Amino acid sequence: MRVHNFKYRKVHKIKVKKDSSDYKRLQLLHGYVGLRSLVEYRLKAVQIESCRRAIKKVVKKLGNVWIRVSADRPVTSKPAEVRMGKGKGNYSYSVAIVNKGTILFELSGNSLNIELAKEALKQGAERLPFKTEICFYKS
């Protein structure tokens, strides 16, 4: 009998479910303007950071940017030109599983007007590889 002491377990790849929506992240919590996804996607951590920087460049110190998704799933890959077998590949990057209707970013702030918030989220949406929409808080 062999006993293995694993330092950590590598996570298996999860497929994005079709026609599924994220019920926890459907409403705005912190801000009054948000960026919502219209499709399912596996969003990389570098894409989230690129979108955040684009939004922050427009907003500056007038408001707050709330990031509602986090890249918490590791993705592994084998190096190029390596034969099949020999176990699972090494850690490559992290992804966030984004379902349809998930709010990705929120904006809030007293001195932040609607036009500036729309422009900031529009700049951020250009950095993302899927369709998004700008949503507003319904009181």
N, C-alpha and C. Protein backbone atom coordinates (compact mmCIF):
# COMPACT_ATOMS: atom_id res chain seq x y z
N MET A 1 0.84 -1.19 0.00
CA MET A 1 0.00 0.00 0.00
C MET A 1 0.87 1.24 0.00
N ARG A 2 0.65 2.12 -1.00
CA ARG A 2 1.43 3.34 -1.11
C ARG A 2 0.61 4.52 -0.58
N VAL A 3 1.26 5.32 0.22
CA VAL A 3 0.59 6.51 0.76
C VAL A 3 1.24 7.73 0.14
N HIS A 4 0.42 8.63 -0.43
CA HIS A 4 0.93 9.84 -1.04
C HIS A 4 0.62 11.03 -0.15
N ASN A 5 1.59 11.85 0.04
CA ASN A 5 1.39 13.09 0.77
C ASN A 5 1.39 14.23 -0.25
N PHE A 6 0.20 14.70 -0.61
CA PHE A 6 0.09 15.76 -1.60
C PHE A 6 0.18 17.11 -0.91
N LYS A 7 0.96 17.99 -1.50
CA LYS A 7 1.03 19.36 -0.98
C LYS A 7 -0.25 20.10 -1.33
N TYR A 8 -0.74 19.91 -2.55
CA TYR A 8 -2.02 20.47 -2.97
C TYR A 8 -2.54 19.62 -4.11
N ARG A 9 -3.80 19.77 -4.40
CA ARG A 9 -4.43 19.03 -5.49
C ARG A 9 -4.69 19.98 -6.66
N LYS A 10 -4.38 19.54 -7.85
CA LYS A 10 -4.66 20.36 -9.03
C LYS A 10 -6.14 20.24 -9.37
N VAL A 11 -6.74 21.37 -9.73
CA VAL A 11 -8.18 21.43 -9.95
C VAL A 11 -8.50 20.98 -11.37
N HIS A 12 -9.57 20.22 -11.52
CA HIS A 12 -10.00 19.77 -12.84
C HIS A 12 -10.71 20.88 -13.57
N LYS A 13 -10.64 20.85 -14.88
CA LYS A 13 -11.27 21.86 -15.72
C LYS A 13 -12.79 21.72 -15.66
N ILE A 14 -13.47 22.84 -15.46
CA ILE A 14 -14.92 22.84 -15.37
C ILE A 14 -15.49 23.51 -16.60
N LYS A 15 -16.44 22.87 -17.24
CA LYS A 15 -17.10 23.46 -18.39
C LYS A 15 -18.13 24.47 -17.93
N VAL A 16 -18.29 25.53 -18.71
CA VAL A 16 -19.32 26.52 -18.42
C VAL A 16 -20.65 25.94 -18.86
N LYS A 17 -21.64 25.94 -17.97
CA LYS A 17 -22.94 25.37 -18.29
C LYS A 17 -23.72 26.32 -19.18
N LYS A 18 -24.34 25.79 -20.20
CA LYS A 18 -25.15 26.59 -21.11
C LYS A 18 -26.46 26.97 -20.43
N ASP A 19 -26.94 28.16 -20.74
CA ASP A 19 -28.21 28.68 -20.22
C ASP A 19 -28.26 28.68 -18.70
N SER A 20 -27.14 29.01 -18.08
CA SER A 20 -27.11 29.11 -16.62
C SER A 20 -26.87 30.56 -16.25
N SER A 21 -27.44 30.98 -15.16
CA SER A 21 -27.24 32.35 -14.70
C SER A 21 -26.76 32.33 -13.27
N ASP A 22 -26.00 33.35 -12.90
CA ASP A 22 -25.40 33.44 -11.58
C ASP A 22 -26.35 34.23 -10.68
N TYR A 23 -27.11 33.54 -9.83
CA TYR A 23 -28.13 34.20 -9.03
C TYR A 23 -27.55 35.03 -7.90
N LYS A 24 -26.32 34.73 -7.48
CA LYS A 24 -25.71 35.51 -6.39
C LYS A 24 -25.25 36.87 -6.86
N ARG A 25 -24.89 37.00 -8.13
CA ARG A 25 -24.31 38.25 -8.63
C ARG A 25 -25.20 38.92 -9.68
N LEU A 26 -26.51 38.83 -9.53
CA LEU A 26 -27.41 39.43 -10.52
C LEU A 26 -27.76 40.88 -10.19
N GLN A 27 -27.75 41.27 -8.92
CA GLN A 27 -28.11 42.63 -8.53
C GLN A 27 -26.88 43.42 -8.14
N LEU A 28 -27.00 44.74 -8.27
CA LEU A 28 -25.93 45.63 -7.82
C LEU A 28 -25.97 45.71 -6.30
N LEU A 29 -24.81 45.59 -5.66
CA LEU A 29 -24.73 45.64 -4.21
C LEU A 29 -24.09 46.93 -3.70
N HIS A 30 -22.99 47.34 -4.32
CA HIS A 30 -22.21 48.44 -3.78
C HIS A 30 -22.44 49.75 -4.52
N GLY A 31 -22.62 49.70 -5.82
CA GLY A 31 -22.71 50.91 -6.63
C GLY A 31 -24.07 51.09 -7.25
N TYR A 32 -24.18 52.11 -8.11
CA TYR A 32 -25.44 52.37 -8.79
C TYR A 32 -25.34 52.15 -10.30
N VAL A 33 -24.13 51.89 -10.81
CA VAL A 33 -23.93 51.56 -12.22
C VAL A 33 -23.02 50.34 -12.27
N GLY A 34 -23.35 49.38 -13.16
CA GLY A 34 -22.55 48.17 -13.22
C GLY A 34 -22.38 47.67 -14.64
N LEU A 35 -21.43 46.75 -14.81
CA LEU A 35 -21.16 46.11 -16.10
C LEU A 35 -21.57 44.64 -15.98
N ARG A 36 -22.54 44.22 -16.80
CA ARG A 36 -23.10 42.87 -16.72
C ARG A 36 -22.72 42.08 -17.97
N SER A 37 -22.39 40.80 -17.78
CA SER A 37 -22.07 39.94 -18.92
C SER A 37 -23.35 39.39 -19.53
N LEU A 38 -23.34 39.21 -20.84
CA LEU A 38 -24.50 38.68 -21.55
C LEU A 38 -24.30 37.24 -22.02
N VAL A 39 -23.10 36.70 -21.82
CA VAL A 39 -22.79 35.34 -22.24
C VAL A 39 -21.99 34.64 -21.15
N GLU A 40 -21.82 33.32 -21.31
CA GLU A 40 -20.95 32.56 -20.41
C GLU A 40 -19.54 32.62 -20.95
N TYR A 41 -18.55 32.72 -20.05
CA TYR A 41 -17.17 32.83 -20.49
C TYR A 41 -16.24 32.45 -19.34
N ARG A 42 -15.01 32.03 -19.71
CA ARG A 42 -13.95 31.81 -18.73
C ARG A 42 -13.02 33.00 -18.80
N LEU A 43 -13.11 33.91 -17.85
CA LEU A 43 -12.40 35.17 -17.87
C LEU A 43 -11.06 35.03 -17.15
N LYS A 44 -9.97 35.40 -17.83
CA LYS A 44 -8.64 35.29 -17.24
C LYS A 44 -8.39 36.44 -16.27
N ALA A 45 -7.44 36.25 -15.37
CA ALA A 45 -7.10 37.27 -14.38
C ALA A 45 -6.51 38.51 -15.04
N VAL A 46 -5.74 38.35 -16.11
CA VAL A 46 -5.14 39.49 -16.79
C VAL A 46 -6.21 40.32 -17.50
N GLN A 47 -7.30 39.68 -17.96
CA GLN A 47 -8.38 40.41 -18.59
C GLN A 47 -9.16 41.23 -17.57
N ILE A 48 -9.34 40.68 -16.38
CA ILE A 48 -10.01 41.42 -15.30
C ILE A 48 -9.18 42.64 -14.92
N GLU A 49 -7.87 42.46 -14.79
CA GLU A 49 -6.99 43.57 -14.41
C GLU A 49 -6.94 44.64 -15.49
N SER A 50 -6.93 44.24 -16.75
CA SER A 50 -6.91 45.20 -17.85
C SER A 50 -8.19 46.03 -17.86
N CYS A 51 -9.31 45.39 -17.63
CA CYS A 51 -10.59 46.10 -17.57
C CYS A 51 -10.63 47.05 -16.38
N ARG A 52 -10.13 46.62 -15.24
CA ARG A 52 -10.11 47.47 -14.04
C ARG A 52 -9.27 48.72 -14.27
N ARG A 53 -8.11 48.56 -14.90
CA ARG A 53 -7.24 49.71 -15.17
C ARG A 53 -7.90 50.71 -16.11
N ALA A 54 -8.59 50.20 -17.14
CA ALA A 54 -9.27 51.08 -18.09
C ALA A 54 -10.38 51.88 -17.40
N ILE A 55 -11.12 51.22 -16.51
CA ILE A 55 -12.20 51.91 -15.78
C ILE A 55 -11.61 52.94 -14.83
N LYS A 56 -10.57 52.57 -14.12
CA LYS A 56 -9.97 53.46 -13.12
C LYS A 56 -9.33 54.68 -13.78
N LYS A 57 -8.84 54.52 -15.03
CA LYS A 57 -8.22 55.65 -15.73
C LYS A 57 -9.24 56.75 -16.01
N VAL A 58 -10.50 56.36 -16.26
CA VAL A 58 -11.55 57.34 -16.53
C VAL A 58 -12.12 57.90 -15.22
N VAL A 59 -12.35 57.02 -14.25
CA VAL A 59 -12.99 57.43 -12.99
C VAL A 59 -12.06 58.27 -12.13
N LYS A 60 -10.78 57.91 -12.09
CA LYS A 60 -9.75 58.54 -11.26
C LYS A 60 -10.16 58.52 -9.80
N LYS A 61 -10.20 59.67 -9.13
CA LYS A 61 -10.53 59.68 -7.70
C LYS A 61 -11.96 60.13 -7.43
N LEU A 62 -12.77 60.20 -8.47
CA LEU A 62 -14.15 60.66 -8.30
C LEU A 62 -15.07 59.58 -7.76
N GLY A 63 -14.71 58.32 -7.92
CA GLY A 63 -15.57 57.24 -7.46
C GLY A 63 -14.80 55.98 -7.12
N ASN A 64 -15.55 54.98 -6.71
CA ASN A 64 -14.98 53.69 -6.34
C ASN A 64 -15.32 52.65 -7.39
N VAL A 65 -14.39 51.73 -7.62
CA VAL A 65 -14.61 50.61 -8.54
C VAL A 65 -14.67 49.34 -7.70
N TRP A 66 -15.79 48.62 -7.84
CA TRP A 66 -15.97 47.36 -7.13
C TRP A 66 -15.84 46.22 -8.13
N ILE A 67 -14.94 45.28 -7.86
CA ILE A 67 -14.75 44.11 -8.71
C ILE A 67 -15.53 42.96 -8.10
N ARG A 68 -16.52 42.44 -8.84
CA ARG A 68 -17.40 41.42 -8.30
C ARG A 68 -17.00 40.00 -8.67
N VAL A 69 -16.02 39.84 -9.56
CA VAL A 69 -15.55 38.50 -9.93
C VAL A 69 -14.08 38.37 -9.54
N SER A 70 -13.69 37.17 -9.21
CA SER A 70 -12.28 36.93 -8.89
C SER A 70 -11.83 35.66 -9.60
N ALA A 71 -10.64 35.70 -10.14
CA ALA A 71 -10.08 34.55 -10.83
C ALA A 71 -9.52 33.59 -9.79
N ASP A 72 -10.33 32.61 -9.42
CA ASP A 72 -9.97 31.72 -8.32
C ASP A 72 -9.74 30.27 -8.76
N ARG A 73 -9.87 29.99 -10.06
CA ARG A 73 -9.65 28.63 -10.53
C ARG A 73 -8.36 28.55 -11.32
N PRO A 74 -7.43 27.70 -10.90
CA PRO A 74 -6.18 27.56 -11.64
C PRO A 74 -6.36 26.71 -12.90
N VAL A 75 -5.63 27.06 -13.94
CA VAL A 75 -5.64 26.31 -15.19
C VAL A 75 -4.23 25.79 -15.43
N THR A 76 -4.13 24.51 -15.76
CA THR A 76 -2.82 23.91 -16.00
C THR A 76 -2.66 23.65 -17.49
N SER A 77 -1.41 23.63 -17.94
CA SER A 77 -1.14 23.31 -19.34
C SER A 77 0.24 22.68 -19.45
N LYS A 78 0.37 21.80 -20.43
CA LYS A 78 1.65 21.15 -20.68
C LYS A 78 2.48 22.03 -21.60
N PRO A 79 3.79 21.98 -21.51
CA PRO A 79 4.64 22.76 -22.42
C PRO A 79 4.47 22.31 -23.87
N ALA A 80 4.94 23.15 -24.79
CA ALA A 80 4.84 22.82 -26.21
C ALA A 80 5.81 21.67 -26.54
N GLU A 81 5.40 20.84 -27.48
CA GLU A 81 6.20 19.73 -27.99
C GLU A 81 6.59 18.72 -26.92
N VAL A 82 5.66 18.41 -26.05
CA VAL A 82 5.87 17.40 -25.02
C VAL A 82 4.94 16.23 -25.34
N ARG A 83 5.43 15.02 -25.19
CA ARG A 83 4.64 13.84 -25.51
C ARG A 83 3.50 13.65 -24.52
N MET A 84 2.54 12.84 -24.95
CA MET A 84 1.37 12.58 -24.13
C MET A 84 1.77 11.77 -22.89
N GLY A 85 0.95 11.90 -21.85
CA GLY A 85 1.21 11.17 -20.63
C GLY A 85 2.07 11.97 -19.67
N LYS A 86 2.69 11.30 -18.75
CA LYS A 86 3.59 11.90 -17.75
C LYS A 86 2.87 12.88 -16.82
N GLY A 87 1.58 12.67 -16.59
CA GLY A 87 0.87 13.45 -15.58
C GLY A 87 0.31 14.77 -16.09
N LYS A 88 -0.25 15.49 -15.14
CA LYS A 88 -0.91 16.75 -15.45
C LYS A 88 0.13 17.86 -15.57
N GLY A 89 -0.18 18.88 -16.35
CA GLY A 89 0.75 19.98 -16.58
C GLY A 89 0.87 20.91 -15.38
N ASN A 90 1.77 21.87 -15.51
CA ASN A 90 2.00 22.84 -14.44
C ASN A 90 0.98 23.96 -14.50
N TYR A 91 0.90 24.72 -13.41
CA TYR A 91 0.00 25.87 -13.32
C TYR A 91 0.36 26.88 -14.41
N SER A 92 -0.66 27.37 -15.12
CA SER A 92 -0.42 28.31 -16.20
C SER A 92 -1.01 29.69 -15.89
N TYR A 93 -2.31 29.74 -15.56
CA TYR A 93 -2.97 31.01 -15.23
C TYR A 93 -4.25 30.72 -14.47
N SER A 94 -4.91 31.76 -14.00
CA SER A 94 -6.16 31.61 -13.26
C SER A 94 -7.32 32.16 -14.07
N VAL A 95 -8.50 31.56 -13.87
CA VAL A 95 -9.70 32.03 -14.56
C VAL A 95 -10.84 32.20 -13.56
N ALA A 96 -11.81 33.02 -13.96
CA ALA A 96 -13.07 33.16 -13.25
C ALA A 96 -14.16 32.65 -14.16
N ILE A 97 -15.04 31.80 -13.64
CA ILE A 97 -16.16 31.30 -14.42
C ILE A 97 -17.26 32.35 -14.36
N VAL A 98 -17.56 32.95 -15.52
CA VAL A 98 -18.56 34.01 -15.59
C VAL A 98 -19.79 33.45 -16.28
N ASN A 99 -20.92 33.47 -15.59
CA ASN A 99 -22.17 33.00 -16.16
C ASN A 99 -22.95 34.16 -16.77
N LYS A 100 -24.03 33.84 -17.46
CA LYS A 100 -24.86 34.86 -18.08
C LYS A 100 -25.54 35.69 -17.00
N GLY A 101 -25.46 37.01 -17.13
CA GLY A 101 -26.10 37.91 -16.17
C GLY A 101 -25.24 38.29 -14.98
N THR A 102 -24.01 37.83 -14.92
CA THR A 102 -23.13 38.15 -13.79
C THR A 102 -22.67 39.61 -13.88
N ILE A 103 -22.74 40.30 -12.75
CA ILE A 103 -22.22 41.67 -12.68
C ILE A 103 -20.72 41.58 -12.43
N LEU A 104 -19.94 42.19 -13.33
CA LEU A 104 -18.49 42.10 -13.26
C LEU A 104 -17.89 43.24 -12.45
N PHE A 105 -18.32 44.47 -12.73
CA PHE A 105 -17.79 45.67 -12.07
C PHE A 105 -18.94 46.56 -11.66
N GLU A 106 -18.73 47.30 -10.56
CA GLU A 106 -19.70 48.30 -10.11
C GLU A 106 -18.98 49.61 -9.85
N LEU A 107 -19.69 50.70 -10.05
CA LEU A 107 -19.14 52.03 -9.78
C LEU A 107 -20.04 52.75 -8.80
N SER A 108 -19.41 53.47 -7.86
CA SER A 108 -20.15 54.28 -6.90
C SER A 108 -19.33 55.52 -6.59
N GLY A 109 -19.96 56.50 -5.99
CA GLY A 109 -19.27 57.73 -5.61
C GLY A 109 -20.21 58.92 -5.70
N ASN A 110 -20.06 59.85 -4.75
CA ASN A 110 -20.95 61.01 -4.71
C ASN A 110 -20.65 61.98 -5.84
N SER A 111 -19.40 62.16 -6.19
CA SER A 111 -19.03 63.13 -7.23
C SER A 111 -18.94 62.50 -8.62
N LEU A 112 -19.36 61.26 -8.75
CA LEU A 112 -19.31 60.56 -10.04
C LEU A 112 -20.67 60.68 -10.72
N ASN A 113 -20.71 61.35 -11.89
CA ASN A 113 -21.98 61.48 -12.59
C ASN A 113 -22.20 60.29 -13.53
N ILE A 114 -23.42 60.18 -14.04
CA ILE A 114 -23.83 59.02 -14.84
C ILE A 114 -23.05 58.94 -16.15
N GLU A 115 -22.84 60.09 -16.80
CA GLU A 115 -22.15 60.09 -18.09
C GLU A 115 -20.72 59.60 -17.96
N LEU A 116 -20.04 60.04 -16.90
CA LEU A 116 -18.66 59.61 -16.67
C LEU A 116 -18.61 58.11 -16.35
N ALA A 117 -19.58 57.64 -15.56
CA ALA A 117 -19.64 56.22 -15.21
C ALA A 117 -19.90 55.37 -16.46
N LYS A 118 -20.79 55.84 -17.33
CA LYS A 118 -21.06 55.11 -18.58
C LYS A 118 -19.82 55.03 -19.45
N GLU A 119 -19.10 56.15 -19.55
CA GLU A 119 -17.88 56.18 -20.37
C GLU A 119 -16.82 55.24 -19.80
N ALA A 120 -16.69 55.21 -18.48
CA ALA A 120 -15.69 54.34 -17.84
C ALA A 120 -16.02 52.87 -18.11
N LEU A 121 -17.29 52.49 -17.95
CA LEU A 121 -17.67 51.10 -18.17
C LEU A 121 -17.60 50.73 -19.66
N LYS A 122 -17.82 51.71 -20.53
CA LYS A 122 -17.68 51.46 -21.96
C LYS A 122 -16.22 51.17 -22.32
N GLN A 123 -15.30 51.94 -21.71
CA GLN A 123 -13.87 51.70 -21.93
C GLN A 123 -13.46 50.33 -21.39
N GLY A 124 -14.01 49.95 -20.25
CA GLY A 124 -13.70 48.64 -19.68
C GLY A 124 -14.26 47.50 -20.51
N ALA A 125 -15.46 47.70 -21.08
CA ALA A 125 -16.10 46.65 -21.88
C ALA A 125 -15.33 46.39 -23.16
N GLU A 126 -14.62 47.39 -23.68
CA GLU A 126 -13.82 47.20 -24.88
C GLU A 126 -12.65 46.24 -24.64
N ARG A 127 -12.21 46.10 -23.40
CA ARG A 127 -11.09 45.21 -23.07
C ARG A 127 -11.53 43.76 -22.91
N LEU A 128 -12.84 43.53 -22.85
CA LEU A 128 -13.33 42.17 -22.62
C LEU A 128 -13.69 41.50 -23.94
N PRO A 129 -13.46 40.19 -24.06
CA PRO A 129 -13.68 39.50 -25.34
C PRO A 129 -15.11 38.97 -25.53
N PHE A 130 -16.09 39.47 -24.78
CA PHE A 130 -17.47 39.01 -24.94
C PHE A 130 -18.42 40.18 -24.76
N LYS A 131 -19.70 39.95 -25.04
CA LYS A 131 -20.70 41.01 -25.00
C LYS A 131 -21.09 41.33 -23.56
N THR A 132 -21.20 42.63 -23.29
CA THR A 132 -21.61 43.09 -21.97
C THR A 132 -22.65 44.20 -22.13
N GLU A 133 -23.28 44.57 -21.02
CA GLU A 133 -24.21 45.70 -21.02
C GLU A 133 -24.02 46.49 -19.74
N ILE A 134 -24.40 47.77 -19.80
CA ILE A 134 -24.34 48.63 -18.63
C ILE A 134 -25.70 48.61 -17.96
N CYS A 135 -25.72 48.30 -16.67
CA CYS A 135 -26.98 48.21 -15.94
C CYS A 135 -26.99 49.24 -14.82
N PHE A 136 -28.19 49.64 -14.41
CA PHE A 136 -28.37 50.68 -13.40
C PHE A 136 -29.13 50.11 -12.21
N TYR A 137 -28.94 50.77 -11.06
CA TYR A 137 -29.61 50.35 -9.83
C TYR A 137 -31.08 50.70 -9.91
N LYS A 138 -31.93 49.74 -9.60
CA LYS A 138 -33.39 49.95 -9.59
C LYS A 138 -33.85 50.02 -8.15
N SER A 139 -34.35 51.17 -7.73
CA SER A 139 -34.79 51.31 -6.33
C SER A 139 -36.25 51.00 -6.17
